[in-house]
C-alpha atoms as a PDB file:
ATOM      1  CA  MET A   1     -42.410 217.691  84.409  1.00  0.00           C
ATOM      2  CA  THR A   2     -40.189 216.917  87.293  1.00  0.00           C
ATOM      3  CA  LYS A   3     -37.645 213.796  87.754  1.00  0.00           C
ATOM      4  CA  LYS A   4     -38.072 211.523  90.531  1.00  0.00           C
ATOM      5  CA  ILE A   5     -35.033 211.458  92.784  1.00  0.00           C
ATOM      6  CA  LYS A   6     -34.353 208.009  94.000  1.00  0.00           C
ATOM      7  CA  PRO A   7     -32.437 207.946  97.519  1.00  0.00           C
ATOM      8  CA  LYS A   8     -29.236 206.442  97.445  1.00  0.00           C
ATOM      9  CA  LEU A   9     -29.186 202.928  98.714  1.00  0.00           C
ATOM     10  CA  ASN A  10     -25.882 201.822 100.503  1.00  0.00           C
ATOM     11  CA  ILE A  11     -26.751 197.965 100.781  1.00  0.00           C
ATOM     12  CA  ASN A  12     -23.516 196.087 100.978  1.00  0.00           C
ATOM     13  CA  ILE A  13     -23.913 192.497 102.464  1.00  0.00           C
ATOM     14  CA  LYS A  14     -20.570 190.483 102.635  1.00  0.00           C
ATOM     15  CA  ASN A  15     -20.008 187.019 103.328  1.00  0.00           C
ATOM     16  CA  LYS A  16     -17.007 187.197 105.686  1.00  0.00           C
ATOM     17  CA  ARG A  17     -16.323 183.481 106.144  1.00  0.00           C
ATOM     18  CA  ALA A  18     -15.827 183.130 102.292  1.00  0.00           C
ATOM     19  CA  GLU A  19     -12.682 185.222 102.395  1.00  0.00           C
ATOM     20  CA  HIS A  20     -11.308 183.262 105.567  1.00  0.00           C
ATOM     21  CA  ASP A  21     -11.987 179.442 104.184  1.00  0.00           C
ATOM     22  CA  TYR A  22     -11.440 179.849 100.588  1.00  0.00           C
ATOM     23  CA  SER A  23      -9.031 181.345  98.191  1.00  0.00           C
ATOM     24  CA  ILE A  24     -10.893 183.227  95.358  1.00  0.00           C
ATOM     25  CA  ILE A  25      -9.641 182.442  91.737  1.00  0.00           C
ATOM     26  CA  ASP A  26     -12.785 184.196  89.790  1.00  0.00           C
ATOM     27  CA  ARG A  27     -15.307 186.692  90.426  1.00  0.00           C
ATOM     28  CA  TYR A  28     -18.452 187.079  88.666  1.00  0.00           C
ATOM     29  CA  THR A  29     -21.420 189.443  89.325  1.00  0.00           C
ATOM     30  CA  ALA A  30     -24.976 187.995  88.883  1.00  0.00           C
ATOM     31  CA  GLY A  31     -28.453 189.276  88.780  1.00  0.00           C
ATOM     32  CA  ILE A  32     -31.049 187.261  91.232  1.00  0.00           C
ATOM     33  CA  VAL A  33     -34.504 186.293  90.517  1.00  0.00           C
ATOM     34  CA  LEU A  34     -36.595 187.760  93.453  1.00  0.00           C
ATOM     35  CA  THR A  35     -40.290 188.388  94.585  1.00  0.00           C
ATOM     36  CA  GLY A  36     -41.630 191.660  95.511  1.00  0.00           C
ATOM     37  CA  THR A  37     -41.196 191.349  99.225  1.00  0.00           C
ATOM     38  CA  GLU A  38     -37.493 189.905  98.751  1.00  0.00           C
ATOM     39  CA  ILE A  39     -36.134 192.969  97.162  1.00  0.00           C
ATOM     40  CA  LYS A  40     -37.989 195.032  99.942  1.00  0.00           C
ATOM     41  CA  SER A  41     -36.302 193.088 102.581  1.00  0.00           C
ATOM     42  CA  ILE A  42     -32.838 193.372 100.883  1.00  0.00           C
ATOM     43  CA  ARG A  43     -33.381 196.795 100.580  1.00  0.00           C
ATOM     44  CA  ALA A  44     -33.970 197.269 104.241  1.00  0.00           C
ATOM     45  CA  GLY A  45     -30.604 195.380 104.798  1.00  0.00           C
ATOM     46  CA  LYS A  46     -32.189 191.921 106.215  1.00  0.00           C
ATOM     47  CA  ALA A  47     -30.478 189.462 104.419  1.00  0.00           C
ATOM     48  CA  GLY A  48     -27.288 187.159 105.068  1.00  0.00           C
ATOM     49  CA  LEU A  49     -24.888 184.991 103.204  1.00  0.00           C
ATOM     50  CA  VAL A  50     -23.936 182.433 105.853  1.00  0.00           C
ATOM     51  CA  ASP A  51     -23.454 179.012 104.838  1.00  0.00           C
ATOM     52  CA  THR A  52     -24.535 179.740 101.298  1.00  0.00           C
ATOM     53  CA  TYR A  53     -23.328 178.080  98.332  1.00  0.00           C
ATOM     54  CA  CYS A  54     -24.191 177.844  94.487  1.00  0.00           C
ATOM     55  CA  TYR A  55     -24.900 174.843  92.187  1.00  0.00           C
ATOM     56  CA  ILE A  56     -25.621 174.362  88.478  1.00  0.00           C
ATOM     57  CA  HIS A  57     -28.633 172.286  87.589  1.00  0.00           C
ATOM     58  CA  ASN A  58     -29.930 172.181  84.019  1.00  0.00           C
ATOM     59  CA  SER A  59     -27.379 174.783  82.788  1.00  0.00           C
ATOM     60  CA  GLU A  60     -28.965 177.268  85.305  1.00  0.00           C
ATOM     61  CA  MET A  61     -27.222 178.752  88.253  1.00  0.00           C
ATOM     62  CA  TRP A  62     -28.864 178.489  91.540  1.00  0.00           C
ATOM     63  CA  VAL A  63     -27.850 179.905  95.006  1.00  0.00           C
ATOM     64  CA  LYS A  64     -29.174 177.746  97.977  1.00  0.00           C
ATOM     65  CA  ASN A  65     -29.537 178.722 101.647  1.00  0.00           C
ATOM     66  CA  MET A  66     -29.384 182.334 101.162  1.00  0.00           C
ATOM     67  CA  TYR A  67     -31.270 184.093 104.090  1.00  0.00           C
ATOM     68  CA  ILE A  68     -33.733 186.918 103.311  1.00  0.00           C
ATOM     69  CA  ALA A  69     -35.908 187.773 106.092  1.00  0.00           C
ATOM     70  CA  GLU A  70     -39.565 188.008 105.625  1.00  0.00           C
ATOM     71  CA  TYR A  71     -41.056 191.676 104.934  1.00  0.00           C
ATOM     72  CA  ASP A  72     -42.304 193.152 107.729  1.00  0.00           C
ATOM     73  CA  PHE A  73     -45.334 194.700 105.862  1.00  0.00           C
ATOM     74  CA  GLY A  74     -45.769 191.422 103.718  1.00  0.00           C
ATOM     75  CA  SER A  75     -49.209 189.805 103.631  1.00  0.00           C
ATOM     76  CA  TYR A  76     -50.020 186.040 102.775  1.00  0.00           C
ATOM     77  CA  ASN A  77     -47.813 186.679  99.756  1.00  0.00           C
ATOM     78  CA  ASN A  78     -44.732 186.790 101.880  1.00  0.00           C
ATOM     79  CA  HIS A  79     -41.896 184.612 100.593  1.00  0.00           C
ATOM     80  CA  GLN A  80     -39.982 181.837 102.353  1.00  0.00           C
ATOM     81  CA  THR A  81     -36.851 182.804 104.111  1.00  0.00           C
ATOM     82  CA  ARG A  82     -34.090 180.225 102.725  1.00  0.00           C
ATOM     83  CA  ARG A  83     -35.554 179.013  99.171  1.00  0.00           C
ATOM     84  CA  ASP A  84     -33.509 178.444  96.078  1.00  0.00           C
ATOM     85  CA  ARG A  85     -33.135 181.210  94.015  1.00  0.00           C
ATOM     86  CA  LYS A  86     -31.878 181.607  90.389  1.00  0.00           C
ATOM     87  CA  LEU A  87     -28.856 183.494  89.284  1.00  0.00           C
ATOM     88  CA  LEU A  88     -28.872 185.260  86.043  1.00  0.00           C
ATOM     89  CA  LEU A  89     -25.430 184.836  84.160  1.00  0.00           C
ATOM     90  CA  ASN A  90     -24.415 184.276  80.586  1.00  0.00           C
ATOM     91  CA  LYS A  91     -24.395 180.888  78.953  1.00  0.00           C
ATOM     92  CA  LYS A  92     -20.832 181.173  78.477  1.00  0.00           C
ATOM     93  CA  GLU A  93     -19.982 182.048  82.211  1.00  0.00           C
ATOM     94  CA  ILE A  94     -22.159 179.294  83.310  1.00  0.00           C
ATOM     95  CA  ILE A  95     -20.490 176.916  80.930  1.00  0.00           C
ATOM     96  CA  ALA A  96     -17.088 178.240  82.089  1.00  0.00           C
ATOM     97  CA  LEU A  97     -18.141 177.608  85.874  1.00  0.00           C
ATOM     98  CA  MET A  98     -19.415 174.197  85.416  1.00  0.00           C
ATOM     99  CA  ASN A  99     -16.217 173.134  83.583  1.00  0.00           C
ATOM    100  CA  GLU A 100     -13.956 174.562  86.380  1.00  0.00           C
ATOM    101  CA  THR A 101     -16.224 172.891  89.337  1.00  0.00           C
ATOM    102  CA  LYS A 102     -15.695 169.543  87.876  1.00  0.00           C
ATOM    103  CA  SER A 103     -12.048 169.495  88.999  1.00  0.00           C
ATOM    104  CA  PRO A 104     -12.244 168.541  92.735  1.00  0.00           C
ATOM    105  CA  GLY A 105     -11.699 170.984  95.582  1.00  0.00           C
ATOM    106  CA  PHE A 106     -13.396 174.011  93.567  1.00  0.00           C
ATOM    107  CA  THR A 107     -16.849 175.304  94.398  1.00  0.00           C
ATOM    108  CA  ILE A 108     -18.913 178.508  93.959  1.00  0.00           C
ATOM    109  CA  VAL A 109     -19.664 180.690  96.694  1.00  0.00           C
ATOM    110  CA  PRO A 110     -21.534 184.047  97.082  1.00  0.00           C
ATOM    111  CA  LEU A 111     -19.055 186.624  98.184  1.00  0.00           C
ATOM    112  CA  ARG A 112     -21.269 189.959  98.203  1.00  0.00           C
ATOM    113  CA  LEU A 113     -24.878 190.883  97.996  1.00  0.00           C
ATOM    114  CA  TYR A 114     -25.477 194.448  97.071  1.00  0.00           C
ATOM    115  CA  VAL A 115     -28.117 196.864  95.414  1.00  0.00           C
ATOM    116  CA  ASN A 116     -26.826 198.750  92.291  1.00  0.00           C
ATOM    117  CA  GLU A 117     -27.609 202.460  91.292  1.00  0.00           C
ATOM    118  CA  LYS A 118     -30.713 201.298  89.327  1.00  0.00           C
ATOM    119  CA  GLY A 119     -32.219 199.530  92.350  1.00  0.00           C
ATOM    120  CA  LEU A 120     -31.421 195.814  91.153  1.00  0.00           C
ATOM    121  CA  ALA A 121     -30.170 193.238  93.599  1.00  0.00           C
ATOM    122  CA  LYS A 122     -26.906 191.847  92.351  1.00  0.00           C
ATOM    123  CA  LEU A 123     -24.720 188.658  93.822  1.00  0.00           C
ATOM    124  CA  VAL A 124     -21.001 188.668  93.229  1.00  0.00           C
ATOM    125  CA  ILE A 125     -20.114 185.022  93.329  1.00  0.00           C
ATOM    126  CA  GLY A 126     -16.620 183.573  93.355  1.00  0.00           C
ATOM    127  CA  LEU A 127     -15.079 180.554  91.769  1.00  0.00           C
ATOM    128  CA  CYS A 128     -13.086 179.243  94.947  1.00  0.00           C
ATOM    129  CA  LYS A 129     -10.606 176.491  96.284  1.00  0.00           C
ATOM    130  CA  GLY A 130     -10.936 175.610  99.777  1.00  0.00           C
ATOM    131  CA  LYS A 131      -7.796 176.830 102.213  1.00  0.00           C
ATOM    132  CA  LYS A 132      -6.173 174.248 104.497  1.00  0.00           C
ATOM    133  CA  GLU A 133      -5.810 175.099 107.981  1.00  0.00           C
ATOM    134  CA  TYR A 134      -2.082 176.009 107.616  1.00  0.00           C
ATOM    135  CA  ASP A 135      -3.229 178.360 104.447  1.00  0.00           C
ATOM    136  CA  LYS A 136      -5.652 179.984 107.031  1.00  0.00           C
ATOM    137  CA  ARG A 137      -2.997 180.635 109.597  1.00  0.00           C
ATOM    138  CA  MET A 138      -0.920 182.078 107.176  1.00  0.00           C
ATOM    139  CA  SER A 139      -3.276 184.521 105.647  1.00  0.00           C
ATOM    140  CA  LEU A 140      -3.951 185.826 108.933  1.00  0.00           C
ATOM    141  CA  LYS A 141      -0.280 186.529 109.665  1.00  0.00           C
ATOM    142  CA  GLU A 142      -0.085 188.242 106.322  1.00  0.00           C
ATOM    143  CA  LYS A 143      -3.258 190.681 107.147  1.00  0.00           C
ATOM    144  CA  GLU A 144      -1.613 191.177 110.503  1.00  0.00           C
ATOM    145  CA  ASP A 145       1.799 192.271 109.318  1.00  0.00           C
ATOM    146  CA  ARG A 146       0.001 194.521 106.650  1.00  0.00           C
ATOM    147  CA  ARG A 147      -1.779 196.155 109.553  1.00  0.00           C
ATOM    148  CA  GLU A 148       1.335 196.628 111.332  1.00  0.00           C
ATOM    149  CA  ILE A 149       3.074 198.096 108.336  1.00  0.00           C
ATOM    150  CA  ASP A 150       0.224 200.559 107.924  1.00  0.00           C
ATOM    151  CA  ARG A 151       0.450 201.448 111.592  1.00  0.00           C
ATOM    152  CA  MET A 152       4.195 201.975 111.302  1.00  0.00           C
ATOM    153  CA  PHE A 153       3.588 203.877 108.334  1.00  0.00           C
ATOM    154  CA  LYS A 154       1.021 206.157 109.713  1.00  0.00           C
ATOM    155  CA  GLN A 155       3.140 207.202 112.770  1.00  0.00           C
ATOM    156  CA  ASN A 156       6.245 208.080 110.560  1.00  0.00           C
ATOM    157  CA  TYR A 157       4.146 210.276 108.572  1.00  0.00           C
END
């Protein structure tokens, strides 16, 4: 009996605006409840996290406005591209996030969508606090300074 070898999936979809607009305080990894055509589209790399956010309703975590393209070979059973999807977290994690988001300025934002080695789609969410405009400029300056230091270091060695 031979083992089936699964192809390596290197799906890593990032929310680039989240790093710029928010300072990330804590990160959690959550599973997502998906239909068959949705996971096939994610494995094809046709998903996006632009303008997405998470909310808690009836002690359940949901992600809103996450884009997953319709599957090309799907039939009439194809999914809606921007529907609310349930996230799978422990009850303790949901309660902790619920308590943290009660204070003003805090929100839950999806940071990264990936497929793990078992072939399951996972979503990394972050407890975030919004940045002010001057914070964004300061973080861009720090990023440029780090690049310059790395450039100088590579030239010398």
